[in-house]
Amino acid sequence: NRAERIASKDKEIDDLRRKLEKETESKMKMKANLQLLHQSKRNEVDRMQALLDESVLKSEAIDKELVAQTIEVTSLRVNLQKATEKHLLCENELEKTREKHVALEGQIKQKDEEMERI
């Protein structure tokens, strides 16, 4: 009887050891899987960070290009304004020249008339 109880307890202990080993093995597999998942997520985060960094660099380059184009447009506007002012001055000079021309034509006509009378 006593031997049966001891054998029964030994079997119980062996069963518990096997169960503990299986649970330990299961926990180790879960731990390994979690480590793989963690590394996978870390790699994904690193990849996303690289994409974000690249986007920031592109955005900064676009901003610099926009500033350069804005400066160029401003310069073109200034040049256009100067050219417009010069054009207006030239038109004024042309008008003065036309007036002088008309006055000279009038003087020539007057001289011609005087010459005909003589």
N, C-alpha and C. Protein backbone atom coordinates (compact mmCIF):
# COMPACT_ATOMS: atom_id res chain seq x y z
N ASN A 1 0.82 -1.19 0.00
CA ASN A 1 0.00 0.00 0.00
C ASN A 1 0.87 1.26 0.00
N ARG A 2 1.80 1.20 0.89
CA ARG A 2 2.72 2.34 1.00
C ARG A 2 3.51 2.48 -0.30
N ALA A 3 3.93 1.38 -0.85
CA ALA A 3 4.69 1.40 -2.09
C ALA A 3 3.83 1.96 -3.22
N GLU A 4 2.55 1.63 -3.21
CA GLU A 4 1.64 2.16 -4.23
C GLU A 4 1.50 3.68 -4.09
N ARG A 5 1.42 4.14 -2.84
CA ARG A 5 1.30 5.60 -2.62
C ARG A 5 2.57 6.30 -3.07
N ILE A 6 3.71 5.68 -2.78
CA ILE A 6 4.99 6.28 -3.20
C ILE A 6 5.06 6.29 -4.72
N ALA A 7 4.69 5.18 -5.33
CA ALA A 7 4.71 5.10 -6.79
C ALA A 7 3.74 6.12 -7.39
N SER A 8 2.60 6.24 -6.74
CA SER A 8 1.60 7.21 -7.20
C SER A 8 2.15 8.62 -7.09
N LYS A 9 2.81 8.93 -5.96
CA LYS A 9 3.39 10.26 -5.76
C LYS A 9 4.53 10.50 -6.76
N ASP A 10 5.36 9.45 -6.99
CA ASP A 10 6.44 9.59 -7.98
C ASP A 10 5.86 9.88 -9.37
N LYS A 11 4.79 9.19 -9.73
CA LYS A 11 4.14 9.41 -11.02
C LYS A 11 3.58 10.84 -11.08
N GLU A 12 2.97 11.26 -9.97
CA GLU A 12 2.44 12.63 -9.89
C GLU A 12 3.56 13.64 -10.09
N ILE A 13 4.69 13.41 -9.41
CA ILE A 13 5.85 14.31 -9.52
C ILE A 13 6.37 14.31 -10.95
N ASP A 14 6.49 13.11 -11.57
CA ASP A 14 6.94 13.03 -12.97
C ASP A 14 5.98 13.75 -13.90
N ASP A 15 4.69 13.57 -13.67
CA ASP A 15 3.69 14.26 -14.48
C ASP A 15 3.84 15.78 -14.34
N LEU A 16 4.01 16.23 -13.10
CA LEU A 16 4.17 17.66 -12.85
C LEU A 16 5.45 18.19 -13.50
N ARG A 17 6.54 17.37 -13.44
CA ARG A 17 7.80 17.78 -14.09
C ARG A 17 7.60 17.92 -15.61
N ARG A 18 6.95 16.92 -16.23
CA ARG A 18 6.70 16.97 -17.68
C ARG A 18 5.84 18.20 -18.02
N LYS A 19 4.81 18.42 -17.19
CA LYS A 19 3.94 19.57 -17.41
C LYS A 19 4.73 20.86 -17.29
N LEU A 20 5.61 20.96 -16.28
CA LEU A 20 6.45 22.14 -16.08
C LEU A 20 7.41 22.31 -17.25
N GLU A 21 8.00 21.22 -17.73
CA GLU A 21 8.91 21.29 -18.87
C GLU A 21 8.17 21.78 -20.12
N LYS A 22 6.96 21.24 -20.34
CA LYS A 22 6.16 21.67 -21.49
C LYS A 22 5.81 23.15 -21.38
N GLU A 23 5.40 23.56 -20.19
CA GLU A 23 5.05 24.97 -19.99
C GLU A 23 6.28 25.86 -20.17
N THR A 24 7.42 25.40 -19.64
CA THR A 24 8.66 26.17 -19.79
C THR A 24 9.03 26.28 -21.27
N GLU A 25 8.94 25.15 -21.99
CA GLU A 25 9.22 25.14 -23.42
C GLU A 25 8.26 26.07 -24.17
N SER A 26 7.00 26.00 -23.80
CA SER A 26 5.98 26.86 -24.42
C SER A 26 6.30 28.33 -24.14
N LYS A 27 6.68 28.63 -22.89
CA LYS A 27 7.00 30.02 -22.52
C LYS A 27 8.25 30.49 -23.28
N MET A 28 9.23 29.63 -23.45
CA MET A 28 10.45 29.98 -24.17
C MET A 28 10.12 30.28 -25.65
N LYS A 29 9.23 29.44 -26.24
CA LYS A 29 8.82 29.68 -27.62
C LYS A 29 8.09 31.01 -27.73
N MET A 30 7.19 31.28 -26.76
CA MET A 30 6.45 32.56 -26.77
C MET A 30 7.42 33.71 -26.62
N LYS A 31 8.42 33.56 -25.76
CA LYS A 31 9.41 34.62 -25.56
C LYS A 31 10.19 34.86 -26.85
N ALA A 32 10.61 33.77 -27.51
CA ALA A 32 11.34 33.89 -28.77
C ALA A 32 10.47 34.57 -29.84
N ASN A 33 9.20 34.16 -29.90
CA ASN A 33 8.28 34.78 -30.86
C ASN A 33 8.08 36.26 -30.57
N LEU A 34 7.96 36.59 -29.29
CA LEU A 34 7.81 38.00 -28.91
C LEU A 34 9.06 38.81 -29.27
N GLN A 35 10.23 38.19 -29.08
CA GLN A 35 11.47 38.88 -29.45
C GLN A 35 11.53 39.11 -30.96
N LEU A 36 11.11 38.10 -31.74
CA LEU A 36 11.07 38.27 -33.19
C LEU A 36 10.08 39.37 -33.59
N LEU A 37 8.92 39.34 -32.97
CA LEU A 37 7.91 40.36 -33.25
C LEU A 37 8.43 41.74 -32.88
N HIS A 38 9.07 41.83 -31.72
CA HIS A 38 9.62 43.12 -31.27
C HIS A 38 10.67 43.61 -32.27
N GLN A 39 11.56 42.71 -32.72
CA GLN A 39 12.59 43.10 -33.68
C GLN A 39 11.95 43.52 -35.01
N SER A 40 10.93 42.80 -35.41
CA SER A 40 10.22 43.13 -36.65
C SER A 40 9.60 44.53 -36.54
N LYS A 41 8.97 44.80 -35.39
CA LYS A 41 8.36 46.12 -35.19
C LYS A 41 9.44 47.20 -35.12
N ARG A 42 10.56 46.90 -34.50
CA ARG A 42 11.66 47.85 -34.41
C ARG A 42 12.18 48.17 -35.82
N ASN A 43 12.31 47.12 -36.65
CA ASN A 43 12.75 47.33 -38.03
C ASN A 43 11.75 48.19 -38.80
N GLU A 44 10.47 47.93 -38.56
CA GLU A 44 9.42 48.72 -39.22
C GLU A 44 9.48 50.18 -38.77
N VAL A 45 9.68 50.39 -37.49
CA VAL A 45 9.80 51.77 -36.97
C VAL A 45 11.02 52.45 -37.59
N ASP A 46 12.14 51.72 -37.66
CA ASP A 46 13.35 52.29 -38.26
C ASP A 46 13.12 52.66 -39.72
N ARG A 47 12.41 51.78 -40.45
CA ARG A 47 12.11 52.04 -41.86
C ARG A 47 11.21 53.26 -42.00
N MET A 48 10.20 53.34 -41.14
CA MET A 48 9.29 54.49 -41.18
C MET A 48 10.04 55.79 -40.82
N GLN A 49 10.96 55.70 -39.86
CA GLN A 49 11.75 56.88 -39.49
C GLN A 49 12.62 57.32 -40.66
N ALA A 50 13.19 56.36 -41.37
CA ALA A 50 14.00 56.69 -42.55
C ALA A 50 13.15 57.38 -43.61
N LEU A 51 11.94 56.86 -43.82
CA LEU A 51 11.04 57.50 -44.80
C LEU A 51 10.67 58.91 -44.35
N LEU A 52 10.42 59.07 -43.07
CA LEU A 52 10.08 60.39 -42.54
C LEU A 52 11.26 61.35 -42.70
N ASP A 53 12.46 60.88 -42.39
CA ASP A 53 13.66 61.72 -42.56
C ASP A 53 13.82 62.14 -44.01
N GLU A 54 13.60 61.18 -44.92
CA GLU A 54 13.71 61.48 -46.35
C GLU A 54 12.66 62.51 -46.76
N SER A 55 11.45 62.36 -46.25
CA SER A 55 10.38 63.32 -46.56
C SER A 55 10.73 64.71 -46.04
N VAL A 56 11.29 64.76 -44.85
CA VAL A 56 11.68 66.06 -44.28
C VAL A 56 12.75 66.71 -45.15
N LEU A 57 13.74 65.93 -45.58
CA LEU A 57 14.78 66.47 -46.44
C LEU A 57 14.20 66.98 -47.76
N LYS A 58 13.28 66.22 -48.34
CA LYS A 58 12.64 66.65 -49.59
C LYS A 58 11.86 67.94 -49.36
N SER A 59 11.15 67.99 -48.24
CA SER A 59 10.36 69.18 -47.92
C SER A 59 11.26 70.40 -47.76
N GLU A 60 12.39 70.21 -47.08
CA GLU A 60 13.33 71.32 -46.91
C GLU A 60 13.89 71.77 -48.25
N ALA A 61 14.18 70.80 -49.13
CA ALA A 61 14.70 71.15 -50.46
C ALA A 61 13.64 71.93 -51.25
N ILE A 62 12.39 71.50 -51.14
CA ILE A 62 11.30 72.20 -51.82
C ILE A 62 11.15 73.61 -51.26
N ASP A 63 11.25 73.74 -49.94
CA ASP A 63 11.17 75.07 -49.32
C ASP A 63 12.28 75.98 -49.83
N LYS A 64 13.50 75.44 -49.92
CA LYS A 64 14.63 76.25 -50.42
C LYS A 64 14.39 76.66 -51.87
N GLU A 65 13.88 75.72 -52.67
CA GLU A 65 13.60 76.03 -54.07
C GLU A 65 12.51 77.10 -54.17
N LEU A 66 11.51 76.99 -53.32
CA LEU A 66 10.43 77.98 -53.31
C LEU A 66 10.97 79.37 -52.95
N VAL A 67 11.86 79.43 -51.96
CA VAL A 67 12.47 80.71 -51.58
C VAL A 67 13.27 81.26 -52.75
N ALA A 68 14.05 80.40 -53.41
CA ALA A 68 14.86 80.84 -54.55
C ALA A 68 13.96 81.37 -55.67
N GLN A 69 12.87 80.66 -55.94
CA GLN A 69 11.96 81.11 -57.01
C GLN A 69 11.26 82.41 -56.62
N THR A 70 10.93 82.54 -55.34
CA THR A 70 10.29 83.78 -54.88
C THR A 70 11.24 84.96 -55.07
N ILE A 71 12.52 84.75 -54.73
CA ILE A 71 13.53 85.79 -54.92
C ILE A 71 13.65 86.13 -56.40
N GLU A 72 13.66 85.10 -57.25
CA GLU A 72 13.78 85.32 -58.69
C GLU A 72 12.58 86.10 -59.22
N VAL A 73 11.38 85.73 -58.78
CA VAL A 73 10.17 86.43 -59.22
C VAL A 73 10.21 87.89 -58.76
N THR A 74 10.64 88.11 -57.53
CA THR A 74 10.73 89.48 -57.02
C THR A 74 11.72 90.29 -57.87
N SER A 75 12.84 89.67 -58.19
CA SER A 75 13.84 90.34 -59.02
C SER A 75 13.26 90.67 -60.41
N LEU A 76 12.53 89.71 -60.98
CA LEU A 76 11.91 89.95 -62.29
C LEU A 76 10.89 91.08 -62.21
N ARG A 77 10.14 91.13 -61.11
CA ARG A 77 9.16 92.21 -60.96
C ARG A 77 9.86 93.57 -60.88
N VAL A 78 10.96 93.62 -60.13
CA VAL A 78 11.73 94.87 -60.02
C VAL A 78 12.25 95.27 -61.40
N ASN A 79 12.80 94.28 -62.13
CA ASN A 79 13.32 94.58 -63.47
C ASN A 79 12.21 95.04 -64.40
N LEU A 80 11.03 94.41 -64.30
CA LEU A 80 9.89 94.83 -65.12
C LEU A 80 9.48 96.26 -64.78
N GLN A 81 9.46 96.58 -63.49
CA GLN A 81 9.10 97.93 -63.08
C GLN A 81 10.10 98.95 -63.65
N LYS A 82 11.40 98.62 -63.57
CA LYS A 82 12.43 99.53 -64.11
C LYS A 82 12.26 99.68 -65.63
N ALA A 83 12.00 98.55 -66.31
CA ALA A 83 11.82 98.59 -67.77
C ALA A 83 10.58 99.41 -68.12
N THR A 84 9.51 99.28 -67.34
CA THR A 84 8.29 100.05 -67.59
C THR A 84 8.56 101.54 -67.42
N GLU A 85 9.28 101.88 -66.35
CA GLU A 85 9.61 103.30 -66.12
C GLU A 85 10.46 103.85 -67.27
N LYS A 86 11.45 103.04 -67.72
CA LYS A 86 12.30 103.47 -68.83
C LYS A 86 11.47 103.64 -70.10
N HIS A 87 10.53 102.70 -70.32
CA HIS A 87 9.65 102.77 -71.49
C HIS A 87 8.84 104.08 -71.46
N LEU A 88 8.31 104.39 -70.29
CA LEU A 88 7.52 105.64 -70.17
C LEU A 88 8.39 106.87 -70.44
N LEU A 89 9.62 106.86 -69.92
CA LEU A 89 10.53 107.99 -70.19
C LEU A 89 10.82 108.10 -71.69
N CYS A 90 11.02 106.94 -72.33
CA CYS A 90 11.27 106.95 -73.78
C CYS A 90 10.05 107.49 -74.54
N GLU A 91 8.85 107.09 -74.12
CA GLU A 91 7.64 107.60 -74.77
C GLU A 91 7.54 109.11 -74.60
N ASN A 92 7.88 109.62 -73.42
CA ASN A 92 7.86 111.07 -73.19
C ASN A 92 8.87 111.77 -74.09
N GLU A 93 10.08 111.21 -74.20
CA GLU A 93 11.10 111.79 -75.07
C GLU A 93 10.63 111.76 -76.54
N LEU A 94 10.00 110.65 -76.92
CA LEU A 94 9.50 110.53 -78.29
C LEU A 94 8.45 111.61 -78.55
N GLU A 95 7.55 111.82 -77.59
CA GLU A 95 6.52 112.85 -77.74
C GLU A 95 7.15 114.24 -77.88
N LYS A 96 8.18 114.52 -77.07
CA LYS A 96 8.88 115.81 -77.17
C LYS A 96 9.54 115.96 -78.55
N THR A 97 10.14 114.86 -79.02
CA THR A 97 10.80 114.88 -80.33
C THR A 97 9.76 115.13 -81.43
N ARG A 98 8.58 114.51 -81.33
CA ARG A 98 7.52 114.74 -82.31
C ARG A 98 7.09 116.21 -82.31
N GLU A 99 6.95 116.76 -81.09
CA GLU A 99 6.55 118.17 -81.00
C GLU A 99 7.59 119.08 -81.64
N LYS A 100 8.87 118.78 -81.40
CA LYS A 100 9.94 119.58 -82.02
C LYS A 100 9.89 119.43 -83.54
N HIS A 101 9.63 118.18 -83.98
CA HIS A 101 9.55 117.91 -85.42
C HIS A 101 8.43 118.73 -86.06
N VAL A 102 7.26 118.73 -85.41
CA VAL A 102 6.12 119.50 -85.92
C VAL A 102 6.47 121.00 -85.95
N ALA A 103 7.13 121.46 -84.88
CA ALA A 103 7.52 122.88 -84.82
C ALA A 103 8.51 123.20 -85.94
N LEU A 104 9.48 122.31 -86.14
CA LEU A 104 10.46 122.55 -87.23
C LEU A 104 9.78 122.51 -88.59
N GLU A 105 8.84 121.60 -88.78
CA GLU A 105 8.11 121.56 -90.06
C GLU A 105 7.36 122.87 -90.28
N GLY A 106 6.79 123.38 -89.17
CA GLY A 106 6.09 124.68 -89.28
C GLY A 106 7.05 125.79 -89.66
N GLN A 107 8.25 125.78 -89.05
CA GLN A 107 9.24 126.82 -89.38
C GLN A 107 9.70 126.69 -90.83
N ILE A 108 9.89 125.42 -91.27
CA ILE A 108 10.32 125.20 -92.66
C ILE A 108 9.25 125.70 -93.62
N LYS A 109 8.00 125.40 -93.31
CA LYS A 109 6.90 125.86 -94.17
C LYS A 109 6.86 127.39 -94.22
N GLN A 110 7.07 127.99 -93.05
CA GLN A 110 7.06 129.45 -92.98
C GLN A 110 8.21 130.02 -93.81
N LYS A 111 9.40 129.39 -93.70
CA LYS A 111 10.56 129.88 -94.47
C LYS A 111 10.31 129.69 -95.96
N ASP A 112 9.71 128.54 -96.31
CA ASP A 112 9.40 128.28 -97.73
C ASP A 112 8.46 129.38 -98.27
N GLU A 113 7.45 129.74 -97.46
CA GLU A 113 6.51 130.77 -97.89
C GLU A 113 7.19 132.12 -98.05
N GLU A 114 8.11 132.40 -97.10
CA GLU A 114 8.88 133.66 -97.21
C GLU A 114 9.74 133.65 -98.48
N MET A 115 10.33 132.51 -98.77
CA MET A 115 11.21 132.39 -99.94
C MET A 115 10.39 132.57 -101.23
N GLU A 116 9.15 132.06 -101.23
CA GLU A 116 8.31 132.19 -102.42
C GLU A 116 7.92 133.64 -102.65
N ARG A 117 7.74 134.38 -101.54
CA ARG A 117 7.36 135.78 -101.68
C ARG A 117 8.51 136.63 -102.22
N ILE A 118 9.68 136.18 -101.95
CA ILE A 118 10.86 136.97 -102.39
C ILE A 118 11.17 136.67 -103.81
